[in-house]
Amino acid sequence: MTRVETVEKEVETLSPEELTEFRHWFAAYDAEAWDRQFEHAASSGKLDALADAALAAHRP
């Protein structure tokens, strides 16, 4: 059994209250991970071309 399958099985056993708590925790965890990924992409210049294209599209 993979780690993901193990986690899935554990999640399936949570009570409704525990599942609500888990959802809140996971939403915050996922948002923080996405923020870190976005910040890394932005600081490394990976988004520069997209930003330049967006700015150019809105220049008079």
N, C-alpha and C. Protein backbone atom coordinates (compact mmCIF):
# COMPACT_ATOMS: atom_id res chain seq x y z
N MET A 1 0.85 -1.17 0.00
CA MET A 1 0.00 0.00 0.00
C MET A 1 0.90 1.24 0.00
N THR A 2 0.57 2.21 -0.85
CA THR A 2 1.36 3.44 -0.91
C THR A 2 1.03 4.34 0.28
N ARG A 3 1.85 5.35 0.50
CA ARG A 3 1.59 6.29 1.58
C ARG A 3 0.27 7.02 1.35
N VAL A 4 0.00 7.37 0.08
CA VAL A 4 -1.25 8.07 -0.23
C VAL A 4 -2.45 7.17 0.09
N GLU A 5 -2.36 5.92 -0.28
CA GLU A 5 -3.45 4.99 0.03
C GLU A 5 -3.65 4.85 1.53
N THR A 6 -2.56 4.85 2.28
CA THR A 6 -2.65 4.77 3.74
C THR A 6 -3.36 6.00 4.29
N VAL A 7 -2.99 7.17 3.80
CA VAL A 7 -3.64 8.41 4.24
C VAL A 7 -5.11 8.39 3.86
N GLU A 8 -5.42 7.94 2.64
CA GLU A 8 -6.82 7.87 2.21
C GLU A 8 -7.63 7.00 3.16
N LYS A 9 -7.10 5.86 3.52
CA LYS A 9 -7.80 4.94 4.43
C LYS A 9 -8.02 5.61 5.80
N GLU A 10 -7.01 6.32 6.27
CA GLU A 10 -7.14 7.01 7.55
C GLU A 10 -8.21 8.10 7.48
N VAL A 11 -8.21 8.87 6.40
CA VAL A 11 -9.20 9.94 6.23
C VAL A 11 -10.61 9.36 6.22
N GLU A 12 -10.76 8.21 5.60
CA GLU A 12 -12.09 7.58 5.54
C GLU A 12 -12.62 7.20 6.91
N THR A 13 -11.75 7.07 7.90
CA THR A 13 -12.19 6.68 9.24
C THR A 13 -12.48 7.87 10.15
N LEU A 14 -12.24 9.09 9.68
CA LEU A 14 -12.46 10.26 10.52
C LEU A 14 -13.94 10.50 10.77
N SER A 15 -14.22 11.01 11.95
CA SER A 15 -15.59 11.41 12.26
C SER A 15 -15.91 12.68 11.47
N PRO A 16 -17.17 13.06 11.36
CA PRO A 16 -17.49 14.30 10.66
C PRO A 16 -16.76 15.51 11.23
N GLU A 17 -16.64 15.58 12.55
CA GLU A 17 -15.93 16.70 13.17
C GLU A 17 -14.45 16.67 12.82
N GLU A 18 -13.85 15.48 12.88
CA GLU A 18 -12.44 15.35 12.53
C GLU A 18 -12.20 15.67 11.06
N LEU A 19 -13.13 15.26 10.22
CA LEU A 19 -13.01 15.55 8.79
C LEU A 19 -13.06 17.06 8.54
N THR A 20 -13.94 17.75 9.24
CA THR A 20 -14.00 19.21 9.13
C THR A 20 -12.69 19.84 9.56
N GLU A 21 -12.14 19.38 10.67
CA GLU A 21 -10.85 19.89 11.16
C GLU A 21 -9.73 19.59 10.15
N PHE A 22 -9.75 18.39 9.59
CA PHE A 22 -8.75 18.02 8.60
C PHE A 22 -8.86 18.89 7.35
N ARG A 23 -10.08 19.14 6.89
CA ARG A 23 -10.29 19.99 5.71
C ARG A 23 -9.71 21.39 5.93
N HIS A 24 -9.98 21.96 7.10
CA HIS A 24 -9.45 23.29 7.41
C HIS A 24 -7.93 23.27 7.43
N TRP A 25 -7.37 22.26 8.08
CA TRP A 25 -5.91 22.16 8.14
C TRP A 25 -5.34 22.00 6.73
N PHE A 26 -5.93 21.11 5.94
CA PHE A 26 -5.37 20.85 4.61
C PHE A 26 -5.51 22.05 3.69
N ALA A 27 -6.61 22.77 3.77
CA ALA A 27 -6.79 23.97 2.95
C ALA A 27 -5.70 24.99 3.27
N ALA A 28 -5.41 25.19 4.55
CA ALA A 28 -4.35 26.13 4.94
C ALA A 28 -2.99 25.62 4.49
N TYR A 29 -2.74 24.34 4.68
CA TYR A 29 -1.47 23.74 4.27
C TYR A 29 -1.27 23.88 2.76
N ASP A 30 -2.30 23.58 2.00
CA ASP A 30 -2.23 23.64 0.54
C ASP A 30 -2.03 25.08 0.06
N ALA A 31 -2.71 26.02 0.69
CA ALA A 31 -2.56 27.43 0.31
C ALA A 31 -1.14 27.91 0.58
N GLU A 32 -0.58 27.52 1.72
CA GLU A 32 0.79 27.92 2.04
C GLU A 32 1.79 27.31 1.05
N ALA A 33 1.58 26.04 0.69
CA ALA A 33 2.47 25.39 -0.28
C ALA A 33 2.38 26.09 -1.64
N TRP A 34 1.16 26.45 -2.05
CA TRP A 34 0.99 27.14 -3.33
C TRP A 34 1.67 28.50 -3.29
N ASP A 35 1.51 29.21 -2.17
CA ASP A 35 2.15 30.52 -2.02
C ASP A 35 3.66 30.40 -2.15
N ARG A 36 4.25 29.41 -1.49
CA ARG A 36 5.70 29.21 -1.58
C ARG A 36 6.12 28.91 -3.01
N GLN A 37 5.35 28.08 -3.70
CA GLN A 37 5.67 27.75 -5.10
C GLN A 37 5.57 28.99 -5.98
N PHE A 38 4.54 29.79 -5.78
CA PHE A 38 4.36 31.00 -6.57
C PHE A 38 5.48 32.00 -6.30
N GLU A 39 5.81 32.18 -5.01
CA GLU A 39 6.88 33.10 -4.65
C GLU A 39 8.21 32.67 -5.26
N HIS A 40 8.48 31.37 -5.26
CA HIS A 40 9.71 30.86 -5.85
C HIS A 40 9.73 31.13 -7.36
N ALA A 41 8.60 30.88 -8.02
CA ALA A 41 8.52 31.12 -9.47
C ALA A 41 8.70 32.60 -9.78
N ALA A 42 8.11 33.45 -8.97
CA ALA A 42 8.22 34.88 -9.20
C ALA A 42 9.64 35.38 -8.95
N SER A 43 10.25 34.93 -7.87
CA SER A 43 11.59 35.42 -7.54
C SER A 43 12.67 34.85 -8.46
N SER A 44 12.39 33.73 -9.10
CA SER A 44 13.38 33.12 -9.99
C SER A 44 13.25 33.63 -11.42
N GLY A 45 12.25 34.49 -11.68
CA GLY A 45 12.09 35.06 -13.01
C GLY A 45 11.22 34.24 -13.95
N LYS A 46 10.68 33.14 -13.47
CA LYS A 46 9.86 32.28 -14.34
C LYS A 46 8.59 32.96 -14.82
N LEU A 47 8.16 34.00 -14.12
CA LEU A 47 6.91 34.68 -14.49
C LEU A 47 7.15 35.99 -15.22
N ASP A 48 8.40 36.35 -15.42
CA ASP A 48 8.71 37.64 -16.04
C ASP A 48 8.10 37.79 -17.43
N ALA A 49 8.20 36.77 -18.25
CA ALA A 49 7.65 36.86 -19.61
C ALA A 49 6.13 37.05 -19.58
N LEU A 50 5.47 36.36 -18.67
CA LEU A 50 4.02 36.52 -18.55
C LEU A 50 3.67 37.93 -18.07
N ALA A 51 4.41 38.45 -17.11
CA ALA A 51 4.16 39.81 -16.62
C ALA A 51 4.40 40.83 -17.72
N ASP A 52 5.49 40.65 -18.47
CA ASP A 52 5.77 41.57 -19.57
C ASP A 52 4.68 41.55 -20.62
N ALA A 53 4.19 40.37 -20.95
CA ALA A 53 3.13 40.25 -21.96
C ALA A 53 1.85 40.91 -21.46
N ALA A 54 1.52 40.73 -20.18
CA ALA A 54 0.31 41.33 -19.63
C ALA A 54 0.42 42.85 -19.64
N LEU A 55 1.57 43.38 -19.24
CA LEU A 55 1.76 44.82 -19.24
C LEU A 55 1.71 45.38 -20.66
N ALA A 56 2.32 44.70 -21.60
CA ALA A 56 2.32 45.15 -22.98
C ALA A 56 0.90 45.16 -23.55
N ALA A 57 0.09 44.22 -23.17
CA ALA A 57 -1.28 44.14 -23.66
C ALA A 57 -2.13 45.30 -23.16
N HIS A 58 -1.74 45.93 -22.08
CA HIS A 58 -2.52 47.01 -21.51
C HIS A 58 -1.90 48.39 -21.71
N ARG A 59 -0.87 48.47 -22.51
CA ARG A 59 -0.26 49.77 -22.81
C ARG A 59 -1.07 50.44 -23.91
N PRO A 60 -1.28 51.75 -23.78
CA PRO A 60 -2.04 52.47 -24.82
C PRO A 60 -1.25 52.58 -26.12
